[in-house]
Protein backbone atom coordinates (compact mmCIF):
# COMPACT_ATOMS: atom_id res chain seq x y z
CA UNK A 1 -102.72 172.27 -20.51
CA UNK A 2 -103.23 169.52 -17.40
CA UNK A 3 -106.34 169.62 -15.83
CA UNK A 4 -106.37 170.06 -12.27
CA UNK A 5 -107.85 168.12 -9.68
CA UNK A 6 -110.64 169.07 -7.76
CA UNK A 7 -110.03 169.28 -3.47
CA UNK A 8 -112.43 166.45 -1.80
CA UNK A 9 -115.86 168.76 -1.48
CA UNK A 10 -114.47 172.22 -1.62
CA UNK A 11 -114.22 174.63 -4.42
CA UNK A 12 -110.58 174.27 -5.03
CA UNK A 13 -109.12 173.04 -8.06
CA UNK A 14 -105.26 171.79 -7.72
CA UNK A 15 -102.36 170.72 -9.96
CA UNK A 16 -101.80 167.02 -9.59
CA UNK A 17 -98.65 167.37 -7.37
CA UNK A 18 -98.45 169.83 -4.29
CA UNK A 19 -94.86 171.69 -4.18
CA UNK A 20 -93.27 170.99 -0.35
CA UNK A 21 -92.02 174.07 1.17
CA UNK A 22 -90.31 172.49 3.75
CA UNK A 23 -86.74 172.98 2.11
CA UNK A 24 -87.36 176.41 1.30
CA UNK A 25 -85.36 178.81 3.93
CA UNK A 26 -83.74 175.18 4.89
CA UNK A 27 -81.48 173.91 2.24
CA UNK A 28 -82.87 176.47 -0.30
CA UNK A 29 -82.09 179.87 0.31
CA UNK A 30 -84.55 182.76 -0.92
CA UNK A 31 -83.39 182.81 -4.30
CA UNK A 32 -83.20 179.00 -4.69
CA UNK A 33 -86.53 179.06 -3.60
CA UNK A 34 -87.54 181.69 -5.61
CA UNK A 35 -86.32 180.13 -8.86
CA UNK A 36 -88.14 176.64 -7.54
CA UNK A 37 -91.67 178.22 -7.36
CA UNK A 38 -91.14 180.43 -10.78
CA UNK A 39 -90.14 176.32 -12.37
CA UNK A 40 -93.39 174.61 -10.47
CA UNK A 41 -95.88 177.58 -11.68
CA UNK A 42 -94.17 177.87 -15.28
CA UNK A 43 -94.91 174.16 -15.91
CA UNK A 44 -98.28 174.71 -14.70
CA UNK A 45 -97.86 173.62 -10.75
CA UNK A 46 -100.36 176.33 -8.92
CA UNK A 47 -100.33 174.36 -5.40
CA UNK A 48 -98.15 174.73 -2.72
CA UNK A 49 -97.84 173.13 0.68
CA UNK A 50 -96.05 174.97 3.88
CA UNK A 51 -96.51 175.28 8.04
CA UNK A 52 -95.65 177.79 9.94
CA UNK A 53 -93.28 175.31 11.71
CA UNK A 54 -90.88 175.09 8.70
CA UNK A 55 -87.83 175.41 8.88
CA UNK A 56 -87.60 175.42 12.86
CA UNK A 57 -85.38 172.82 12.98
CA UNK A 58 -82.37 174.24 10.53
CA UNK A 59 -80.00 176.31 12.63
CA UNK A 60 -80.85 179.58 13.61
CA UNK A 61 -84.22 179.56 12.43
CA UNK A 62 -87.63 180.06 14.72
CA UNK A 63 -90.08 178.53 12.38
CA UNK A 64 -92.10 180.71 9.01
CA UNK A 65 -89.19 180.95 7.30
CA UNK A 66 -90.57 179.20 4.41
CA UNK A 67 -94.16 181.06 4.69
CA UNK A 68 -91.46 184.28 4.82
CA UNK A 69 -90.25 183.17 1.60
CA UNK A 70 -93.44 182.10 -0.25
CA UNK A 71 -94.95 185.10 1.24
CA UNK A 72 -92.29 187.28 -0.53
CA UNK A 73 -92.56 185.57 -3.84
CA UNK A 74 -96.14 185.95 -4.46
CA UNK A 75 -95.16 189.42 -3.58
CA UNK A 76 -92.39 189.70 -6.36
CA UNK A 77 -94.68 187.79 -8.61
CA UNK A 78 -98.54 189.72 -8.35
CA UNK A 79 -99.41 186.37 -8.79
CA UNK A 80 -101.57 185.10 -5.79
CA UNK A 81 -105.01 184.56 -7.04
CA UNK A 82 -103.49 181.89 -9.37
CA UNK A 83 -102.06 179.89 -6.65
CA UNK A 84 -103.21 177.49 -3.70
CA UNK A 85 -101.41 177.99 -0.60
CA UNK A 86 -101.90 175.56 1.88
CA UNK A 87 -100.19 176.10 5.43
CA UNK A 88 -100.79 174.49 9.02
CA UNK A 89 -100.95 175.12 12.45
CA UNK A 90 -99.68 173.21 15.68
CA UNK A 91 -96.45 172.96 15.69
CA UNK A 92 -94.41 176.01 15.76
CA UNK A 93 -92.64 176.87 18.53
CA UNK A 94 -94.84 180.01 20.17
CA UNK A 95 -97.94 178.63 18.53
CA UNK A 96 -97.91 174.91 19.54
CA UNK A 97 -101.20 172.50 19.82
CA UNK A 98 -104.90 173.44 18.65
CA UNK A 99 -106.41 175.57 21.31
CA UNK A 100 -108.85 178.22 20.15
CA UNK A 101 -106.86 180.98 21.10
CA UNK A 102 -103.78 179.75 19.41
CA UNK A 103 -105.07 179.06 16.38
CA UNK A 104 -106.49 182.78 16.03
CA UNK A 105 -103.16 184.05 16.88
CA UNK A 106 -101.12 181.53 14.67
CA UNK A 107 -103.11 182.26 11.71
CA UNK A 108 -102.66 185.76 11.60
CA UNK A 109 -99.27 185.34 12.11
CA UNK A 110 -99.38 183.01 8.69
CA UNK A 111 -101.05 185.33 7.17
CA UNK A 112 -98.71 188.46 8.02
CA UNK A 113 -96.24 186.42 6.71
CA UNK A 114 -97.58 185.53 3.56
CA UNK A 115 -98.33 188.88 2.99
CA UNK A 116 -101.86 187.70 2.54
CA UNK A 117 -105.28 188.20 3.34
CA UNK A 118 -106.90 184.71 3.13
CA UNK A 119 -105.04 180.90 3.37
CA UNK A 120 -106.68 178.75 0.53
CA UNK A 121 -106.24 175.01 2.81
CA UNK A 122 -105.37 175.40 6.24
CA UNK A 123 -104.37 172.62 7.93
CA UNK A 124 -104.38 171.14 11.79
CA UNK A 125 -100.91 170.06 11.06
CA UNK A 126 -100.85 167.25 14.68
CA UNK A 127 -103.74 166.60 16.32
CA UNK A 128 -104.12 167.89 19.87
CA UNK A 129 -106.21 165.73 22.05
CA UNK A 130 -105.72 167.69 24.42
CA UNK A 131 -108.50 170.02 23.11
CA UNK A 132 -111.59 168.71 22.13
CA UNK A 133 -112.27 168.47 18.50
CA UNK A 134 -115.58 170.68 19.13
CA UNK A 135 -113.06 173.74 20.35
CA UNK A 136 -110.89 173.04 17.12
CA UNK A 137 -113.00 173.07 14.34
CA UNK A 138 -115.19 176.08 15.67
CA UNK A 139 -112.02 177.83 15.95
CA UNK A 140 -111.44 177.06 12.33
CA UNK A 141 -114.61 177.60 11.45
CA UNK A 142 -114.83 181.06 12.61
CA UNK A 143 -111.54 181.65 10.16
CA UNK A 144 -113.38 180.46 7.19
CA UNK A 145 -116.53 183.06 8.58
CA UNK A 146 -114.06 185.58 8.77
CA UNK A 147 -112.98 184.97 5.36
CA UNK A 148 -109.31 184.18 6.27
CA UNK A 149 -109.22 180.75 5.04
CA UNK A 150 -111.11 179.16 2.18
CA UNK A 151 -110.99 175.37 3.03
CA UNK A 152 -109.96 173.73 6.36
CA UNK A 153 -107.97 170.07 6.73
CA UNK A 154 -106.32 167.60 9.44
CA UNK A 155 -102.85 165.82 9.04
CA UNK A 156 -101.76 163.55 11.40
CA UNK A 157 -104.70 162.61 13.34
CA UNK A 158 -106.19 159.35 14.44
CA UNK A 159 -109.21 157.75 12.25
CA UNK A 160 -111.98 157.98 15.54
CA UNK A 161 -110.57 161.68 15.87
CA UNK A 162 -111.20 162.50 12.29
CA UNK A 163 -114.71 161.08 12.03
CA UNK A 164 -115.67 162.95 15.11
CA UNK A 165 -114.54 166.09 13.69
CA UNK A 166 -116.33 165.73 10.86
CA UNK A 167 -119.70 164.70 12.74
CA UNK A 168 -119.54 167.71 14.73
CA UNK A 169 -118.92 169.53 11.82
CA UNK A 170 -122.13 168.08 10.10
CA UNK A 171 -124.27 168.54 13.10
CA UNK A 172 -123.48 171.53 13.63
CA UNK A 173 -123.56 173.26 10.22
CA UNK A 174 -119.83 174.52 10.50
CA UNK A 175 -117.08 174.74 8.02
CA UNK A 176 -115.74 170.72 7.44
CA UNK A 177 -112.32 169.11 6.86
CA UNK A 178 -112.08 168.70 3.02
CA UNK A 179 -108.69 167.22 2.81
CA UNK A 180 -106.28 165.05 4.74
CA UNK A 181 -102.52 165.09 5.03
CA UNK A 182 -101.31 161.26 5.51
CA UNK A 183 -98.15 159.73 5.74
CA UNK A 184 -98.05 157.74 2.42
CA UNK A 185 -96.09 156.49 -0.01
CA UNK A 186 -94.99 153.04 -2.07
CA UNK A 187 -92.59 151.73 1.11
CA UNK A 188 -95.35 153.39 3.54
CA UNK A 189 -98.80 152.22 3.05
CA UNK A 190 -99.78 151.11 6.41
CA UNK A 191 -99.98 154.84 7.84
CA UNK A 192 -102.92 155.51 5.53
CA UNK A 193 -104.37 152.46 3.99
CA UNK A 194 -107.19 150.84 6.51
CA UNK A 195 -109.65 153.30 8.86
CA UNK A 196 -107.91 155.88 8.00
CA UNK A 197 -108.29 156.07 4.30
CA UNK A 198 -111.71 154.44 4.43
CA UNK A 199 -112.97 157.42 6.71
CA UNK A 200 -111.40 159.63 4.00
CA UNK A 201 -113.24 157.62 1.29
CA UNK A 202 -116.64 157.67 3.25
CA UNK A 203 -116.37 161.34 3.90
CA UNK A 204 -115.46 162.28 0.84
CA UNK A 205 -111.75 164.02 1.34
CA UNK A 206 -108.93 164.43 -0.99
CA UNK A 207 -106.03 163.25 0.41
CA UNK A 208 -103.02 164.97 0.09
CA UNK A 209 -99.53 162.44 0.91
CA UNK A 210 -96.05 164.15 2.63
CA UNK A 211 -93.15 162.36 2.30
CA UNK A 212 -94.31 160.90 -1.28
CA UNK A 213 -90.94 160.06 -1.96
CA UNK A 214 -90.08 159.10 1.43
CA UNK A 215 -87.32 161.43 1.91
CA UNK A 216 -86.02 160.66 -1.39
CA UNK A 217 -85.44 156.80 -1.57
CA UNK A 218 -88.21 156.43 -4.19
CA UNK A 219 -85.94 158.77 -6.89
CA UNK A 220 -84.05 155.76 -7.36
CA UNK A 221 -80.88 157.90 -5.97
CA UNK A 222 -80.44 155.30 -3.00
CA UNK A 223 -78.26 153.02 -4.13
CA UNK A 224 -76.11 149.96 -2.42
CA UNK A 225 -73.29 151.11 -1.80
CA UNK A 226 -73.42 154.44 -2.89
CA UNK A 227 -73.36 157.41 -0.52
CA UNK A 228 -75.82 160.04 -1.18
CA UNK A 229 -75.33 163.73 0.11
CA UNK A 230 -78.54 164.98 1.35
CA UNK A 231 -79.64 166.23 4.58
CA UNK A 232 -82.46 163.17 4.73
CA UNK A 233 -79.79 160.58 3.55
CA UNK A 234 -79.87 158.55 6.49
CA UNK A 235 -84.26 158.09 6.72
CA UNK A 236 -84.11 157.21 2.84
CA UNK A 237 -81.02 154.93 2.72
CA UNK A 238 -82.52 152.45 5.61
CA UNK A 239 -85.37 151.38 3.10
CA UNK A 240 -82.93 149.69 1.33
CA UNK A 241 -82.25 147.23 4.32
CA UNK A 242 -85.64 145.66 3.76
CA UNK A 243 -86.90 143.16 1.28
CA UNK A 244 -89.76 145.68 0.11
CA UNK A 245 -87.81 148.73 -0.48
CA UNK A 246 -85.93 146.51 -2.77
CA UNK A 247 -88.53 144.95 -4.32
CA UNK A 248 -90.21 148.11 -4.95
CA UNK A 249 -87.30 149.91 -6.48
CA UNK A 250 -86.87 147.01 -8.60
CA UNK A 251 -90.31 147.45 -10.22
CA UNK A 252 -89.80 151.02 -10.38
CA UNK A 253 -86.73 150.32 -12.32
CA UNK A 254 -88.42 148.06 -14.63
CA UNK A 255 -91.48 150.25 -15.15
CA UNK A 256 -89.55 153.45 -15.75
CA UNK A 257 -87.64 152.21 -18.35
CA UNK A 258 -90.76 150.75 -20.07
CA UNK A 259 -92.62 154.18 -20.08
CA UNK A 260 -89.16 156.06 -20.56
CA UNK A 261 -89.93 157.84 -17.21
CA UNK A 262 -87.94 158.95 -14.02
CA UNK A 263 -87.77 156.68 -11.38
CA UNK A 264 -89.36 159.48 -9.33
CA UNK A 265 -92.11 160.22 -11.72
CA UNK A 266 -93.03 156.48 -11.52
CA UNK A 267 -93.77 156.47 -7.80
CA UNK A 268 -95.69 159.30 -7.71
CA UNK A 269 -97.81 158.59 -10.38
CA UNK A 270 -98.90 155.23 -8.68
CA UNK A 271 -99.45 157.68 -5.45
CA UNK A 272 -101.47 159.71 -7.88
CA UNK A 273 -103.55 156.83 -9.41
CA UNK A 274 -104.71 155.28 -5.52
CA UNK A 275 -108.39 156.29 -4.19
CA UNK A 276 -108.91 159.26 -2.51
CA UNK A 277 -105.56 160.84 -3.73
CA UNK A 278 -105.64 164.27 -4.93
CA UNK A 279 -102.13 165.25 -5.21
CA UNK A 280 -98.97 163.82 -3.86
CA UNK A 281 -96.34 166.37 -1.81
CA UNK A 282 -92.75 166.45 -3.06
CA UNK A 283 -90.28 169.06 -2.76
CA UNK A 284 -87.49 170.31 -5.04
CA UNK A 285 -84.31 172.27 -3.50
CA UNK A 286 -83.16 172.78 -7.42
CA UNK A 287 -84.93 173.72 -10.53
CA UNK A 288 -83.39 170.62 -11.80
CA UNK A 289 -84.80 168.17 -9.70
CA UNK A 290 -88.36 169.67 -10.87
CA UNK A 291 -88.85 168.14 -14.39
CA UNK A 292 -89.05 164.64 -12.43
CA UNK A 293 -91.73 166.08 -10.09
CA UNK A 294 -94.11 167.81 -12.75
CA UNK A 295 -93.97 165.00 -15.29
CA UNK A 296 -96.54 163.12 -12.85
CA UNK A 297 -99.14 165.02 -14.73
CA UNK A 298 -98.60 163.50 -18.08
CA UNK A 299 -97.90 159.92 -16.84
CA UNK A 300 -100.67 157.38 -16.55
CA UNK A 301 -99.82 154.26 -15.34
CA UNK A 302 -101.42 151.13 -17.02
CA UNK A 303 -103.43 148.61 -14.96
CA UNK A 304 -100.87 146.21 -15.12
CA UNK A 305 -97.98 148.79 -13.93
CA UNK A 306 -99.98 149.71 -11.04
CA UNK A 307 -100.43 145.85 -9.88
CA UNK A 308 -96.90 145.76 -10.02
CA UNK A 309 -96.04 148.47 -7.99
CA UNK A 310 -98.80 147.55 -5.50
CA UNK A 311 -97.22 143.80 -5.19
CA UNK A 312 -94.04 145.06 -5.13
CA UNK A 313 -94.90 147.07 -2.30
CA UNK A 314 -97.21 145.00 -0.56
């Protein structure tokens, strides 16, 4: 049995890989999504990450499709109490920004789509600097007081605004961020490491990185001269053009062979071993993509292997 990890200072315990819900209702229809969710939980997983905005970018969608699929699955399986469901506020087309009234209304809509009366982890999706942190935190605190949210978190926020928010929570005795969702992976380290990571570390926040596999580049399927049929191929393929990308791929190849592991598993294992990181996020469009992701729970890299990857990605 894989041991669960504590999520910051909350009472939430999570599997060391969060399943990304961004593909549900986009590249995975409801049946495919149910199959992936079933396989993830069968493998020990309990932590699903979504947002009210997913997947507004897909033709014919308006946002909320991912939450609705997850809600239908929770209802069909009757397993709500076993799952840690994380969603986000601030980017839905009808509920943009973080004004207090927007947060309250968006949360009610997320609860309705998810078919539940509480959200385990509620993130601000993108910071809204037009709104004082005092207003944002107070609105989130009210959701916690009302029993509609168990713990709060932030994503896409500056170190300064994060610290302001934490200080206000402390000063007023209000709910406090327990987690942070940064853009972080082997080919994108400066998006988290430095002041933001230091701020999270000092406050005891858990990091739950998104783009953990760099839109698929860190699965190893992108190689010179090969084309990949994926909605994210353009973004992932660009890493081949950088020296860092090629060095990281070479190090991943060597360590994956040494450990008899998938390249994606090694990339996630490096991330899972980084300071503050509780669980990287990775999504799977098909059940076949899941084993390499779930295997991160059982792969502990040696200090030498971590150092090799850290040097290659510098």
